[in-house]
Structure formats: structure tokens, C-alpha cells
Amino acid sequence: MTGLHPGHAPIRDNREVQPEGQFPLPAETQTLPKLLQQSGYITGAFGKWGLGGPGTAGDPLRQGFDRFFGYSCQRAAHNYYPPRFGQQHSRAIEKPSLFPLPEAAGNSGCR
């Protein structure tokens, strides 16, 4: 997420924080998803997240993702059939389309 060597990253182990999740990434951490958002991309993370629980500075929606579906605590996903399916949360996305319509690009396009 950060592009840093593991020895220089703010998270260096799987230290847990109760009630659920691992120690969160600091709010000021620069992540690739944050850079993509600043460039106009819509971002998503799906799967197992171990960089902070819901509502913390490490929450995926606070680290550059518009949508997250999965487990906030990596321990919850260690079984082949986890007891619960995971969490889903997303932020409102202002851009309704990822691709410009042909008219918006200055031509009539194919119909």
C-alpha cells in the first residue's frame, strides 16, 4: 500500500487492536490508493484488510478506497469457511461513469 520497504513501514507486525482489527496505519500515511483518488480514479479493495479496523485511521475508506468488501481483521479470515462473511462499506462516489460518453469526447461515436 505504501511502497515502503517493510523495515521502514509504520506497520511491522500483526499487532491486534480489540475489539477487531490490527494496529491501524497512521492517518498521514501516503498510500497508492490515495494517489489514485487524487488523480480521479475510483478505487476499491476486496478481501482481507489488516491495516486498521472500522472507524480507525487505518479504515480502508480513510486510506484511499471508495469501496471495501471483506474482513477488517485478518484473523477472522484464517478459516476456509469463516463464521461470518465479512463487511461491506463504501463512500458516495460523485463520478457516475468511469468512461466519457462519445459526445463528451467531441465526436458522435458509433451507435
PDB file of N, CA and C in Angstrom:
ATOM      1  N   MET A   1       0.805  -1.193   0.000  1.00  0.00           N
ATOM      2  CA  MET A   1       0.000   0.000   0.000  1.00  0.00           C
ATOM      3  C   MET A   1       0.849   1.259   0.000  1.00  0.00           C
ATOM      4  N   THR A   2       1.975   1.239   0.710  1.00  0.00           N
ATOM      5  CA  THR A   2       2.750   2.463   0.874  1.00  0.00           C
ATOM      6  C   THR A   2       3.960   2.530  -0.058  1.00  0.00           C
ATOM      7  N   GLY A   3       4.415   1.400  -0.544  1.00  0.00           N
ATOM      8  CA  GLY A   3       5.621   1.372  -1.365  1.00  0.00           C
ATOM      9  C   GLY A   3       6.890   1.393  -0.536  1.00  0.00           C
ATOM     10  N   LEU A   4       6.768   1.391   0.765  1.00  0.00           N
ATOM     11  CA  LEU A   4       7.943   1.418   1.634  1.00  0.00           C
ATOM     12  C   LEU A   4       8.493   0.017   1.869  1.00  0.00           C
ATOM     13  N   HIS A   5       9.794  -0.065   2.066  1.00  0.00           N
ATOM     14  CA  HIS A   5      10.430  -1.312   2.494  1.00  0.00           C
ATOM     15  C   HIS A   5       9.818  -1.688   3.849  1.00  0.00           C
ATOM     16  N   PRO A   6       9.552  -2.971   4.104  1.00  0.00           N
ATOM     17  CA  PRO A   6       8.916  -3.357   5.367  1.00  0.00           C
ATOM     18  C   PRO A   6       9.634  -2.819   6.614  1.00  0.00           C
ATOM     19  N   GLY A   7      10.933  -2.643   6.532  1.00  0.00           N
ATOM     20  CA  GLY A   7      11.660  -2.098   7.672  1.00  0.00           C
ATOM     21  C   GLY A   7      11.386  -0.635   7.932  1.00  0.00           C
ATOM     22  N   HIS A   8      10.822   0.070   6.949  1.00  0.00           N
ATOM     23  CA  HIS A   8      10.518   1.491   7.096  1.00  0.00           C
ATOM     24  C   HIS A   8       9.017   1.764   7.189  1.00  0.00           C
ATOM     25  N   ALA A   9       8.194   0.727   7.066  1.00  0.00           N
ATOM     26  CA  ALA A   9       6.737   0.887   7.079  1.00  0.00           C
ATOM     27  C   ALA A   9       6.241   1.109   8.511  1.00  0.00           C
ATOM     28  N   PRO A  10       5.136   1.839   8.671  1.00  0.00           N
ATOM     29  CA  PRO A  10       4.612   2.075  10.016  1.00  0.00           C
ATOM     30  C   PRO A  10       4.035   0.817  10.671  1.00  0.00           C
ATOM     31  N   ILE A  11       3.615  -0.149   9.895  1.00  0.00           N
ATOM     32  CA  ILE A  11       3.096  -1.412  10.430  1.00  0.00           C
ATOM     33  C   ILE A  11       4.135  -2.489  10.150  1.00  0.00           C
ATOM     34  N   ARG A  12       4.675  -3.100  11.215  1.00  0.00           N
ATOM     35  CA  ARG A  12       5.740  -4.076  11.032  1.00  0.00           C
ATOM     36  C   ARG A  12       5.404  -5.442  11.613  1.00  0.00           C
ATOM     37  N   ASP A  13       4.199  -5.614  12.117  1.00  0.00           N
ATOM     38  CA  ASP A  13       3.793  -6.910  12.643  1.00  0.00           C
ATOM     39  C   ASP A  13       2.269  -6.981  12.579  1.00  0.00           C
ATOM     40  N   ASN A  14       1.701  -8.015  13.132  1.00  0.00           N
ATOM     41  CA  ASN A  14       0.244  -8.184  13.097  1.00  0.00           C
ATOM     42  C   ASN A  14      -0.374  -7.882  14.456  1.00  0.00           C
ATOM     43  N   ARG A  15       0.111  -6.858  15.107  1.00  0.00           N
ATOM     44  CA  ARG A  15      -0.380  -6.500  16.440  1.00  0.00           C
ATOM     45  C   ARG A  15      -1.875  -6.192  16.376  1.00  0.00           C
ATOM     46  N   GLU A  16      -2.635  -6.875  17.212  1.00  0.00           N
ATOM     47  CA  GLU A  16      -4.088  -6.718  17.197  1.00  0.00           C
ATOM     48  C   GLU A  16      -4.559  -5.579  18.078  1.00  0.00           C
ATOM     49  N   VAL A  17      -5.703  -5.011  17.707  1.00  0.00           N
ATOM     50  CA  VAL A  17      -6.391  -3.998  18.486  1.00  0.00           C
ATOM     51  C   VAL A  17      -7.807  -4.515  18.704  1.00  0.00           C
ATOM     52  N   GLN A  18      -8.257  -4.524  19.933  1.00  0.00           N
ATOM     53  CA  GLN A  18      -9.588  -5.018  20.233  1.00  0.00           C
ATOM     54  C   GLN A  18     -10.626  -3.915  20.019  1.00  0.00           C
ATOM     55  N   PRO A  19     -11.846  -4.174  19.613  1.00  0.00           N
ATOM     56  CA  PRO A  19     -12.440  -5.496  19.546  1.00  0.00           C
ATOM     57  C   PRO A  19     -12.120  -6.243  18.255  1.00  0.00           C
ATOM     58  N   GLU A  20     -11.701  -5.543  17.198  1.00  0.00           N
ATOM     59  CA  GLU A  20     -11.408  -6.235  15.950  1.00  0.00           C
ATOM     60  C   GLU A  20     -10.420  -5.434  15.122  1.00  0.00           C
ATOM     61  N   GLY A  21      -9.485  -6.127  14.539  1.00  0.00           N
ATOM     62  CA  GLY A  21      -8.558  -5.478  13.623  1.00  0.00           C
ATOM     63  C   GLY A  21      -7.127  -5.465  14.118  1.00  0.00           C
ATOM     64  N   GLN A  22      -6.262  -4.959  13.271  1.00  0.00           N
ATOM     65  CA  GLN A  22      -4.863  -4.830  13.596  1.00  0.00           C
ATOM     66  C   GLN A  22      -4.545  -3.346  13.815  1.00  0.00           C
ATOM     67  N   PHE A  23      -3.348  -3.091  14.339  1.00  0.00           N
ATOM     68  CA  PHE A  23      -2.909  -1.727  14.587  1.00  0.00           C
ATOM     69  C   PHE A  23      -3.062  -0.924  13.300  1.00  0.00           C
ATOM     70  N   PRO A  24      -3.704   0.252  13.326  1.00  0.00           N
ATOM     71  CA  PRO A  24      -4.013   0.979  12.093  1.00  0.00           C
ATOM     72  C   PRO A  24      -2.841   1.760  11.505  1.00  0.00           C
ATOM     73  N   LEU A  25      -2.886   1.914  10.188  1.00  0.00           N
ATOM     74  CA  LEU A  25      -1.960   2.826   9.522  1.00  0.00           C
ATOM     75  C   LEU A  25      -2.219   4.231  10.040  1.00  0.00           C
ATOM     76  N   PRO A  26      -1.186   5.030  10.248  1.00  0.00           N
ATOM     77  CA  PRO A  26      -1.414   6.421  10.657  1.00  0.00           C
ATOM     78  C   PRO A  26      -2.160   7.188   9.564  1.00  0.00           C
ATOM     79  N   ALA A  27      -2.953   8.170   9.960  1.00  0.00           N
ATOM     80  CA  ALA A  27      -3.777   8.944   9.022  1.00  0.00           C
ATOM     81  C   ALA A  27      -2.936   9.629   7.949  1.00  0.00           C
ATOM     82  N   GLU A  28      -1.739  10.083   8.293  1.00  0.00           N
ATOM     83  CA  GLU A  28      -0.905  10.825   7.340  1.00  0.00           C
ATOM     84  C   GLU A  28      -0.120   9.924   6.383  1.00  0.00           C
ATOM     85  N   THR A  29      -0.283   8.609   6.481  1.00  0.00           N
ATOM     86  CA  THR A  29       0.434   7.685   5.599  1.00  0.00           C
ATOM     87  C   THR A  29       0.009   7.891   4.148  1.00  0.00           C
ATOM     88  N   GLN A  30       0.977   8.056   3.265  1.00  0.00           N
ATOM     89  CA  GLN A  30       0.686   8.191   1.834  1.00  0.00           C
ATOM     90  C   GLN A  30       0.560   6.789   1.245  1.00  0.00           C
ATOM     91  N   THR A  31      -0.577   6.479   0.646  1.00  0.00           N
ATOM     92  CA  THR A  31      -0.804   5.165   0.053  1.00  0.00           C
ATOM     93  C   THR A  31      -1.087   5.313  -1.438  1.00  0.00           C
ATOM     94  N   LEU A  32      -0.849   4.250  -2.172  1.00  0.00           N
ATOM     95  CA  LEU A  32      -1.124   4.248  -3.605  1.00  0.00           C
ATOM     96  C   LEU A  32      -2.595   4.566  -3.900  1.00  0.00           C
ATOM     97  N   PRO A  33      -3.558   3.976  -3.167  1.00  0.00           N
ATOM     98  CA  PRO A  33      -4.959   4.325  -3.438  1.00  0.00           C
ATOM     99  C   PRO A  33      -5.258   5.816  -3.239  1.00  0.00           C
ATOM    100  N   LYS A  34      -4.634   6.467  -2.262  1.00  0.00           N
ATOM    101  CA  LYS A  34      -4.844   7.905  -2.070  1.00  0.00           C
ATOM    102  C   LYS A  34      -4.347   8.674  -3.297  1.00  0.00           C
ATOM    103  N   LEU A  35      -3.195   8.275  -3.826  1.00  0.00           N
ATOM    104  CA  LEU A  35      -2.659   8.939  -5.020  1.00  0.00           C
ATOM    105  C   LEU A  35      -3.574   8.724  -6.221  1.00  0.00           C
ATOM    106  N   LEU A  36      -4.113   7.518  -6.352  1.00  0.00           N
ATOM    107  CA  LEU A  36      -5.035   7.234  -7.451  1.00  0.00           C
ATOM    108  C   LEU A  36      -6.309   8.065  -7.331  1.00  0.00           C
ATOM    109  N   GLN A  37      -6.842   8.196  -6.119  1.00  0.00           N
ATOM    110  CA  GLN A  37      -8.026   9.027  -5.911  1.00  0.00           C
ATOM    111  C   GLN A  37      -7.758  10.478  -6.301  1.00  0.00           C
ATOM    112  N   GLN A  38      -6.597  10.992  -5.917  1.00  0.00           N
ATOM    113  CA  GLN A  38      -6.251  12.375  -6.243  1.00  0.00           C
ATOM    114  C   GLN A  38      -6.167  12.592  -7.747  1.00  0.00           C
ATOM    115  N   SER A  39      -5.895  11.512  -8.489  1.00  0.00           N
ATOM    116  CA  SER A  39      -5.819  11.599  -9.951  1.00  0.00           C
ATOM    117  C   SER A  39      -7.165  11.328 -10.614  1.00  0.00           C
ATOM    118  N   GLY A  40      -8.218  11.124  -9.811  1.00  0.00           N
ATOM    119  CA  GLY A  40      -9.553  10.956 -10.364  1.00  0.00           C
ATOM    120  C   GLY A  40     -10.040   9.527 -10.497  1.00  0.00           C
ATOM    121  N   TYR A  41      -9.263   8.567 -10.036  1.00  0.00           N
ATOM    122  CA  TYR A  41      -9.684   7.168 -10.123  1.00  0.00           C
ATOM    123  C   TYR A  41     -10.672   6.828  -9.009  1.00  0.00           C
ATOM    124  N   ILE A  42     -11.541   5.871  -9.275  1.00  0.00           N
ATOM    125  CA  ILE A  42     -12.417   5.298  -8.266  1.00  0.00           C
ATOM    126  C   ILE A  42     -11.749   4.004  -7.832  1.00  0.00           C
ATOM    127  N   THR A  43     -11.601   3.817  -6.532  1.00  0.00           N
ATOM    128  CA  THR A  43     -10.802   2.711  -6.025  1.00  0.00           C
ATOM    129  C   THR A  43     -11.630   1.758  -5.172  1.00  0.00           C
ATOM    130  N   GLY A  44     -11.189   0.522  -5.096  1.00  0.00           N
ATOM    131  CA  GLY A  44     -11.856  -0.479  -4.276  1.00  0.00           C
ATOM    132  C   GLY A  44     -10.873  -1.496  -3.752  1.00  0.00           C
ATOM    133  N   ALA A  45     -11.166  -2.042  -2.596  1.00  0.00           N
ATOM    134  CA  ALA A  45     -10.365  -3.116  -2.001  1.00  0.00           C
ATOM    135  C   ALA A  45     -11.323  -4.239  -1.639  1.00  0.00           C
ATOM    136  N   PHE A  46     -10.907  -5.452  -1.939  1.00  0.00           N
ATOM    137  CA  PHE A  46     -11.768  -6.603  -1.716  1.00  0.00           C
ATOM    138  C   PHE A  46     -10.929  -7.732  -1.151  1.00  0.00           C
ATOM    139  N   GLY A  47     -11.339  -8.266  -0.009  1.00  0.00           N
ATOM    140  CA  GLY A  47     -10.606  -9.388   0.574  1.00  0.00           C
ATOM    141  C   GLY A  47     -10.309  -9.174   2.041  1.00  0.00           C
ATOM    142  N   LYS A  48      -9.060  -9.385   2.405  1.00  0.00           N
ATOM    143  CA  LYS A  48      -8.641  -9.346   3.803  1.00  0.00           C
ATOM    144  C   LYS A  48      -7.824  -8.080   4.038  1.00  0.00           C
ATOM    145  N   TRP A  49      -8.232  -7.258   5.003  1.00  0.00           N
ATOM    146  CA  TRP A  49      -7.561  -6.000   5.309  1.00  0.00           C
ATOM    147  C   TRP A  49      -6.997  -6.107   6.720  1.00  0.00           C
ATOM    148  N   GLY A  50      -5.729  -5.901   6.887  1.00  0.00           N
ATOM    149  CA  GLY A  50      -5.115  -5.987   8.216  1.00  0.00           C
ATOM    150  C   GLY A  50      -4.383  -4.723   8.593  1.00  0.00           C
ATOM    151  N   LEU A  51      -4.882  -3.557   8.125  1.00  0.00           N
ATOM    152  CA  LEU A  51      -4.172  -2.297   8.372  1.00  0.00           C
ATOM    153  C   LEU A  51      -5.002  -1.310   9.182  1.00  0.00           C
ATOM    154  N   GLY A  52      -5.972  -1.824   9.936  1.00  0.00           N
ATOM    155  CA  GLY A  52      -6.794  -0.976  10.789  1.00  0.00           C
ATOM    156  C   GLY A  52      -8.251  -1.350  10.704  1.00  0.00           C
ATOM    157  N   GLY A  53      -8.913  -1.334  11.843  1.00  0.00           N
ATOM    158  CA  GLY A  53     -10.318  -1.704  11.895  1.00  0.00           C
ATOM    159  C   GLY A  53     -11.255  -0.584  11.484  1.00  0.00           C
ATOM    160  N   PRO A  54     -12.547  -0.864  11.417  1.00  0.00           N
ATOM    161  CA  PRO A  54     -13.541   0.143  11.040  1.00  0.00           C
ATOM    162  C   PRO A  54     -13.510   1.335  11.992  1.00  0.00           C
ATOM    163  N   GLY A  55     -13.544   2.530  11.423  1.00  0.00           N
ATOM    164  CA  GLY A  55     -13.572   3.739  12.222  1.00  0.00           C
ATOM    165  C   GLY A  55     -12.211   4.240  12.685  1.00  0.00           C
ATOM    166  N   THR A  56     -11.142   3.495  12.431  1.00  0.00           N
ATOM    167  CA  THR A  56      -9.801   3.936  12.823  1.00  0.00           C
ATOM    168  C   THR A  56      -9.146   4.675  11.658  1.00  0.00           C
ATOM    169  N   ALA A  57      -7.972   5.231  11.892  1.00  0.00           N
ATOM    170  CA  ALA A  57      -7.232   5.908  10.821  1.00  0.00           C
ATOM    171  C   ALA A  57      -6.865   4.938   9.706  1.00  0.00           C
ATOM    172  N   GLY A  58      -6.790   3.655  10.018  1.00  0.00           N
ATOM    173  CA  GLY A  58      -6.437   2.650   9.020  1.00  0.00           C
ATOM    174  C   GLY A  58      -7.610   2.064   8.267  1.00  0.00           C
ATOM    175  N   ASP A  59      -8.824   2.526   8.538  1.00  0.00           N
ATOM    176  CA  ASP A  59     -10.015   2.060   7.816  1.00  0.00           C
ATOM    177  C   ASP A  59      -9.768   2.220   6.313  1.00  0.00           C
ATOM    178  N   PRO A  60     -10.093   1.213   5.501  1.00  0.00           N
ATOM    179  CA  PRO A  60      -9.840   1.306   4.057  1.00  0.00           C
ATOM    180  C   PRO A  60     -10.421   2.571   3.414  1.00  0.00           C
ATOM    181  N   LEU A  61     -11.575   3.040   3.899  1.00  0.00           N
ATOM    182  CA  LEU A  61     -12.175   4.243   3.329  1.00  0.00           C
ATOM    183  C   LEU A  61     -11.402   5.506   3.709  1.00  0.00           C
ATOM    184  N   ARG A  62     -10.564   5.410   4.722  1.00  0.00           N
ATOM    185  CA  ARG A  62      -9.721   6.548   5.116  1.00  0.00           C
ATOM    186  C   ARG A  62      -8.315   6.432   4.539  1.00  0.00           C
ATOM    187  N   GLN A  63      -8.043   5.332   3.857  1.00  0.00           N
ATOM    188  CA  GLN A  63      -6.724   5.120   3.265  1.00  0.00           C
ATOM    189  C   GLN A  63      -6.779   5.121   1.739  1.00  0.00           C
ATOM    190  N   GLY A  64      -7.821   5.709   1.177  1.00  0.00           N
ATOM    191  CA  GLY A  64      -7.858   5.912  -0.262  1.00  0.00           C
ATOM    192  C   GLY A  64      -8.803   5.027  -1.046  1.00  0.00           C
ATOM    193  N   PHE A  65      -9.599   4.218  -0.376  1.00  0.00           N
ATOM    194  CA  PHE A  65     -10.537   3.361  -1.094  1.00  0.00           C
ATOM    195  C   PHE A  65     -11.947   3.933  -1.024  1.00  0.00           C
ATOM    196  N   ASP A  66     -12.664   3.871  -2.149  1.00  0.00           N
ATOM    197  CA  ASP A  66     -14.055   4.303  -2.205  1.00  0.00           C
ATOM    198  C   ASP A  66     -14.990   3.182  -1.776  1.00  0.00           C
ATOM    199  N   ARG A  67     -14.555   1.949  -1.951  1.00  0.00           N
ATOM    200  CA  ARG A  67     -15.392   0.797  -1.611  1.00  0.00           C
ATOM    201  C   ARG A  67     -14.512  -0.293  -1.036  1.00  0.00           C
ATOM    202  N   PHE A  68     -15.019  -0.953   0.008  1.00  0.00           N
ATOM    203  CA  PHE A  68     -14.315  -2.087   0.607  1.00  0.00           C
ATOM    204  C   PHE A  68     -15.319  -3.179   0.904  1.00  0.00           C
ATOM    205  N   PHE A  69     -14.951  -4.401   0.569  1.00  0.00           N
ATOM    206  CA  PHE A  69     -15.756  -5.565   0.926  1.00  0.00           C
ATOM    207  C   PHE A  69     -14.799  -6.647   1.367  1.00  0.00           C
ATOM    208  N   GLY A  70     -14.943  -7.088   2.599  1.00  0.00           N
ATOM    209  CA  GLY A  70     -14.053  -8.142   3.084  1.00  0.00           C
ATOM    210  C   GLY A  70     -13.962  -8.140   4.590  1.00  0.00           C
ATOM    211  N   TYR A  71     -12.836  -8.628   5.079  1.00  0.00           N
ATOM    212  CA  TYR A  71     -12.596  -8.752   6.510  1.00  0.00           C
ATOM    213  C   TYR A  71     -11.659  -7.656   6.974  1.00  0.00           C
ATOM    214  N   SER A  72     -12.076  -6.906   7.999  1.00  0.00           N
ATOM    215  CA  SER A  72     -11.224  -5.862   8.559  1.00  0.00           C
ATOM    216  C   SER A  72     -10.131  -6.458   9.425  1.00  0.00           C
ATOM    217  N   CYS A  73     -10.359  -7.621   9.951  1.00  0.00           N
ATOM    218  CA  CYS A  73      -9.392  -8.307  10.807  1.00  0.00           C
ATOM    219  C   CYS A  73      -8.908  -9.556  10.081  1.00  0.00           C
ATOM    220  N   GLN A  74      -7.622  -9.640   9.839  1.00  0.00           N
ATOM    221  CA  GLN A  74      -7.119 -10.796   9.095  1.00  0.00           C
ATOM    222  C   GLN A  74      -7.323 -12.107   9.858  1.00  0.00           C
ATOM    223  N   ARG A  75      -7.382 -12.042  11.184  1.00  0.00           N
ATOM    224  CA  ARG A  75      -7.610 -13.258  11.961  1.00  0.00           C
ATOM    225  C   ARG A  75      -8.976 -13.866  11.645  1.00  0.00           C
ATOM    226  N   ALA A  76      -9.982 -13.024  11.333  1.00  0.00           N
ATOM    227  CA  ALA A  76     -11.337 -13.512  11.050  1.00  0.00           C
ATOM    228  C   ALA A  76     -11.393 -14.322   9.766  1.00  0.00           C
ATOM    229  N   ALA A  77     -10.395 -14.202   8.917  1.00  0.00           N
ATOM    230  CA  ALA A  77     -10.419 -14.899   7.627  1.00  0.00           C
ATOM    231  C   ALA A  77      -9.417 -16.049   7.565  1.00  0.00           C
ATOM    232  N   HIS A  78      -8.970 -16.553   8.700  1.00  0.00           N
ATOM    233  CA  HIS A  78      -7.985 -17.637   8.692  1.00  0.00           C
ATOM    234  C   HIS A  78      -8.579 -19.009   8.420  1.00  0.00           C
ATOM    235  N   ASN A  79      -9.877 -19.167   8.572  1.00  0.00           N
ATOM    236  CA  ASN A  79     -10.512 -20.462   8.323  1.00  0.00           C
ATOM    237  C   ASN A  79     -11.001 -20.542   6.884  1.00  0.00           C
ATOM    238  N   TYR A  80     -11.045 -21.760   6.356  1.00  0.00           N
ATOM    239  CA  TYR A  80     -11.527 -21.945   4.993  1.00  0.00           C
ATOM    240  C   TYR A  80     -12.989 -21.516   4.874  1.00  0.00           C
ATOM    241  N   TYR A  81     -13.786 -21.810   5.913  1.00  0.00           N
ATOM    242  CA  TYR A  81     -15.178 -21.377   5.969  1.00  0.00           C
ATOM    243  C   TYR A  81     -15.339 -20.475   7.198  1.00  0.00           C
ATOM    244  N   PRO A  82     -15.093 -19.183   7.052  1.00  0.00           N
ATOM    245  CA  PRO A  82     -15.209 -18.276   8.203  1.00  0.00           C
ATOM    246  C   PRO A  82     -16.632 -18.252   8.757  1.00  0.00           C
ATOM    247  N   PRO A  83     -16.771 -17.984  10.064  1.00  0.00           N
ATOM    248  CA  PRO A  83     -18.105 -17.978  10.677  1.00  0.00           C
ATOM    249  C   PRO A  83     -18.999 -16.845  10.181  1.00  0.00           C
ATOM    250  N   ARG A  84     -18.439 -15.784   9.677  1.00  0.00           N
ATOM    251  CA  ARG A  84     -19.241 -14.699   9.092  1.00  0.00           C
ATOM    252  C   ARG A  84     -18.603 -14.298   7.779  1.00  0.00           C
ATOM    253  N   PHE A  85     -19.363 -13.630   6.958  1.00  0.00           N
ATOM    254  CA  PHE A  85     -18.914 -13.398   5.582  1.00  0.00           C
ATOM    255  C   PHE A  85     -18.053 -12.172   5.379  1.00  0.00           C
ATOM    256  N   GLY A  86     -18.048 -11.246   6.263  1.00  0.00           N
ATOM    257  CA  GLY A  86     -17.231 -10.059   6.049  1.00  0.00           C
ATOM    258  C   GLY A  86     -18.051  -8.797   6.129  1.00  0.00           C
ATOM    259  N   GLN A  87     -17.420  -7.693   5.813  1.00  0.00           N
ATOM    260  CA  GLN A  87     -18.060  -6.396   5.935  1.00  0.00           C
ATOM    261  C   GLN A  87     -18.052  -5.695   4.597  1.00  0.00           C
ATOM    262  N   GLN A  88     -19.014  -4.849   4.417  1.00  0.00           N
ATOM    263  CA  GLN A  88     -19.086  -4.071   3.191  1.00  0.00           C
ATOM    264  C   GLN A  88     -19.389  -2.637   3.572  1.00  0.00           C
ATOM    265  N   HIS A  89     -18.583  -1.727   3.097  1.00  0.00           N
ATOM    266  CA  HIS A  89     -18.906  -0.328   3.262  1.00  0.00           C
ATOM    267  C   HIS A  89     -18.296   0.449   2.121  1.00  0.00           C
ATOM    268  N   SER A  90     -18.928   1.564   1.804  1.00  0.00           N
ATOM    269  CA  SER A  90     -18.447   2.372   0.689  1.00  0.00           C
ATOM    270  C   SER A  90     -18.811   3.825   0.930  1.00  0.00           C
ATOM    271  N   ARG A  91     -18.131   4.691   0.210  1.00  0.00           N
ATOM    272  CA  ARG A  91     -18.413   6.123   0.292  1.00  0.00           C
ATOM    273  C   ARG A  91     -19.149   6.499  -0.978  1.00  0.00           C
ATOM    274  N   ALA A  92     -19.940   7.540  -0.915  1.00  0.00           N
ATOM    275  CA  ALA A  92     -20.662   8.006  -2.098  1.00  0.00           C
ATOM    276  C   ALA A  92     -19.657   8.436  -3.169  1.00  0.00           C
ATOM    277  N   ILE A  93     -19.882   7.996  -4.391  1.00  0.00           N
ATOM    278  CA  ILE A  93     -18.987   8.306  -5.499  1.00  0.00           C
ATOM    279  C   ILE A  93     -19.673   9.344  -6.378  1.00  0.00           C
ATOM    280  N   GLU A  94     -19.000  10.452  -6.599  1.00  0.00           N
ATOM    281  CA  GLU A  94     -19.599  11.538  -7.373  1.00  0.00           C
ATOM    282  C   GLU A  94     -19.562  11.293  -8.869  1.00  0.00           C
ATOM    283  N   LYS A  95     -18.634  10.489  -9.348  1.00  0.00           N
ATOM    284  CA  LYS A  95     -18.497  10.253 -10.783  1.00  0.00           C
ATOM    285  C   LYS A  95     -19.346   9.043 -11.166  1.00  0.00           C
ATOM    286  N   PRO A  96     -20.438   9.223 -11.886  1.00  0.00           N
ATOM    287  CA  PRO A  96     -21.306   8.096 -12.213  1.00  0.00           C
ATOM    288  C   PRO A  96     -20.743   7.186 -13.297  1.00  0.00           C
ATOM    289  N   SER A  97     -19.778   7.653 -14.079  1.00  0.00           N
ATOM    290  CA  SER A  97     -19.257   6.849 -15.176  1.00  0.00           C
ATOM    291  C   SER A  97     -17.738   6.897 -15.171  1.00  0.00           C
ATOM    292  N   LEU A  98     -17.123   5.747 -15.405  1.00  0.00           N
ATOM    293  CA  LEU A  98     -15.662   5.701 -15.473  1.00  0.00           C
ATOM    294  C   LEU A  98     -15.143   6.168 -16.822  1.00  0.00           C
ATOM    295  N   PHE A  99     -15.982   6.091 -17.843  1.00  0.00           N
ATOM    296  CA  PHE A  99     -15.554   6.407 -19.194  1.00  0.00           C
ATOM    297  C   PHE A  99     -16.391   7.550 -19.757  1.00  0.00           C
ATOM    298  N   PRO A 100     -15.774   8.512 -20.435  1.00  0.00           N
ATOM    299  CA  PRO A 100     -16.567   9.604 -21.003  1.00  0.00           C
ATOM    300  C   PRO A 100     -17.453   9.089 -22.137  1.00  0.00           C
ATOM    301  N   LEU A 101     -18.626   9.673 -22.239  1.00  0.00           N
ATOM    302  CA  LEU A 101     -19.512   9.333 -23.341  1.00  0.00           C
ATOM    303  C   LEU A 101     -18.928   9.892 -24.633  1.00  0.00           C
ATOM    304  N   PRO A 102     -19.207   9.271 -25.788  1.00  0.00           N
ATOM    305  CA  PRO A 102     -18.644   9.758 -27.048  1.00  0.00           C
ATOM    306  C   PRO A 102     -18.932  11.233 -27.291  1.00  0.00           C
ATOM    307  N   GLU A 103     -20.134  11.711 -26.927  1.00  0.00           N
ATOM    308  CA  GLU A 103     -20.469  13.123 -27.131  1.00  0.00           C
ATOM    309  C   GLU A 103     -19.559  14.021 -26.295  1.00  0.00           C
ATOM    310  N   ALA A 104     -19.209  13.573 -25.113  1.00  0.00           N
ATOM    311  CA  ALA A 104     -18.358  14.364 -24.232  1.00  0.00           C
ATOM    312  C   ALA A 104     -16.923  14.414 -24.757  1.00  0.00           C
ATOM    313  N   ALA A 105     -16.548  13.447 -25.548  1.00  0.00           N
ATOM    314  CA  ALA A 105     -15.196  13.403 -26.104  1.00  0.00           C
ATOM    315  C   ALA A 105     -15.065  14.245 -27.377  1.00  0.00           C
ATOM    316  N   GLY A 106     -16.159  14.853 -27.842  1.00  0.00           N
ATOM    317  CA  GLY A 106     -16.094  15.724 -29.004  1.00  0.00           C
ATOM    318  C   GLY A 106     -16.428  15.050 -30.317  1.00  0.00           C
ATOM    319  N   ASN A 107     -16.972  13.844 -30.302  1.00  0.00           N
ATOM    320  CA  ASN A 107     -17.394  13.210 -31.547  1.00  0.00           C
ATOM    321  C   ASN A 107     -18.724  12.502 -31.321  1.00  0.00           C
ATOM    322  N   SER A 108     -19.345  12.097 -32.391  1.00  0.00           N
ATOM    323  CA  SER A 108     -20.666  11.488 -32.292  1.00  0.00           C
ATOM    324  C   SER A 108     -20.587  10.023 -31.889  1.00  0.00           C
ATOM    325  N   GLY A 109     -19.465   9.381 -32.085  1.00  0.00           N
ATOM    326  CA  GLY A 109     -19.309   7.977 -31.688  1.00  0.00           C
ATOM    327  C   GLY A 109     -20.099   7.024 -32.558  1.00  0.00           C
ATOM    328  N   CYS A 110     -19.994   5.744 -32.267  1.00  0.00           N
ATOM    329  CA  CYS A 110     -20.735   4.718 -33.010  1.00  0.00           C
ATOM    330  C   CYS A 110     -22.002   4.393 -32.238  1.00  0.00           C
ATOM    331  N   ARG A 111     -23.090   4.181 -32.948  1.00  0.00           N
ATOM    332  CA  ARG A 111     -24.344   3.842 -32.277  1.00  0.00           C
ATOM    333  C   ARG A 111     -24.938   2.600 -32.833  1.00  0.00           C
TER     334      ARG A 111
END
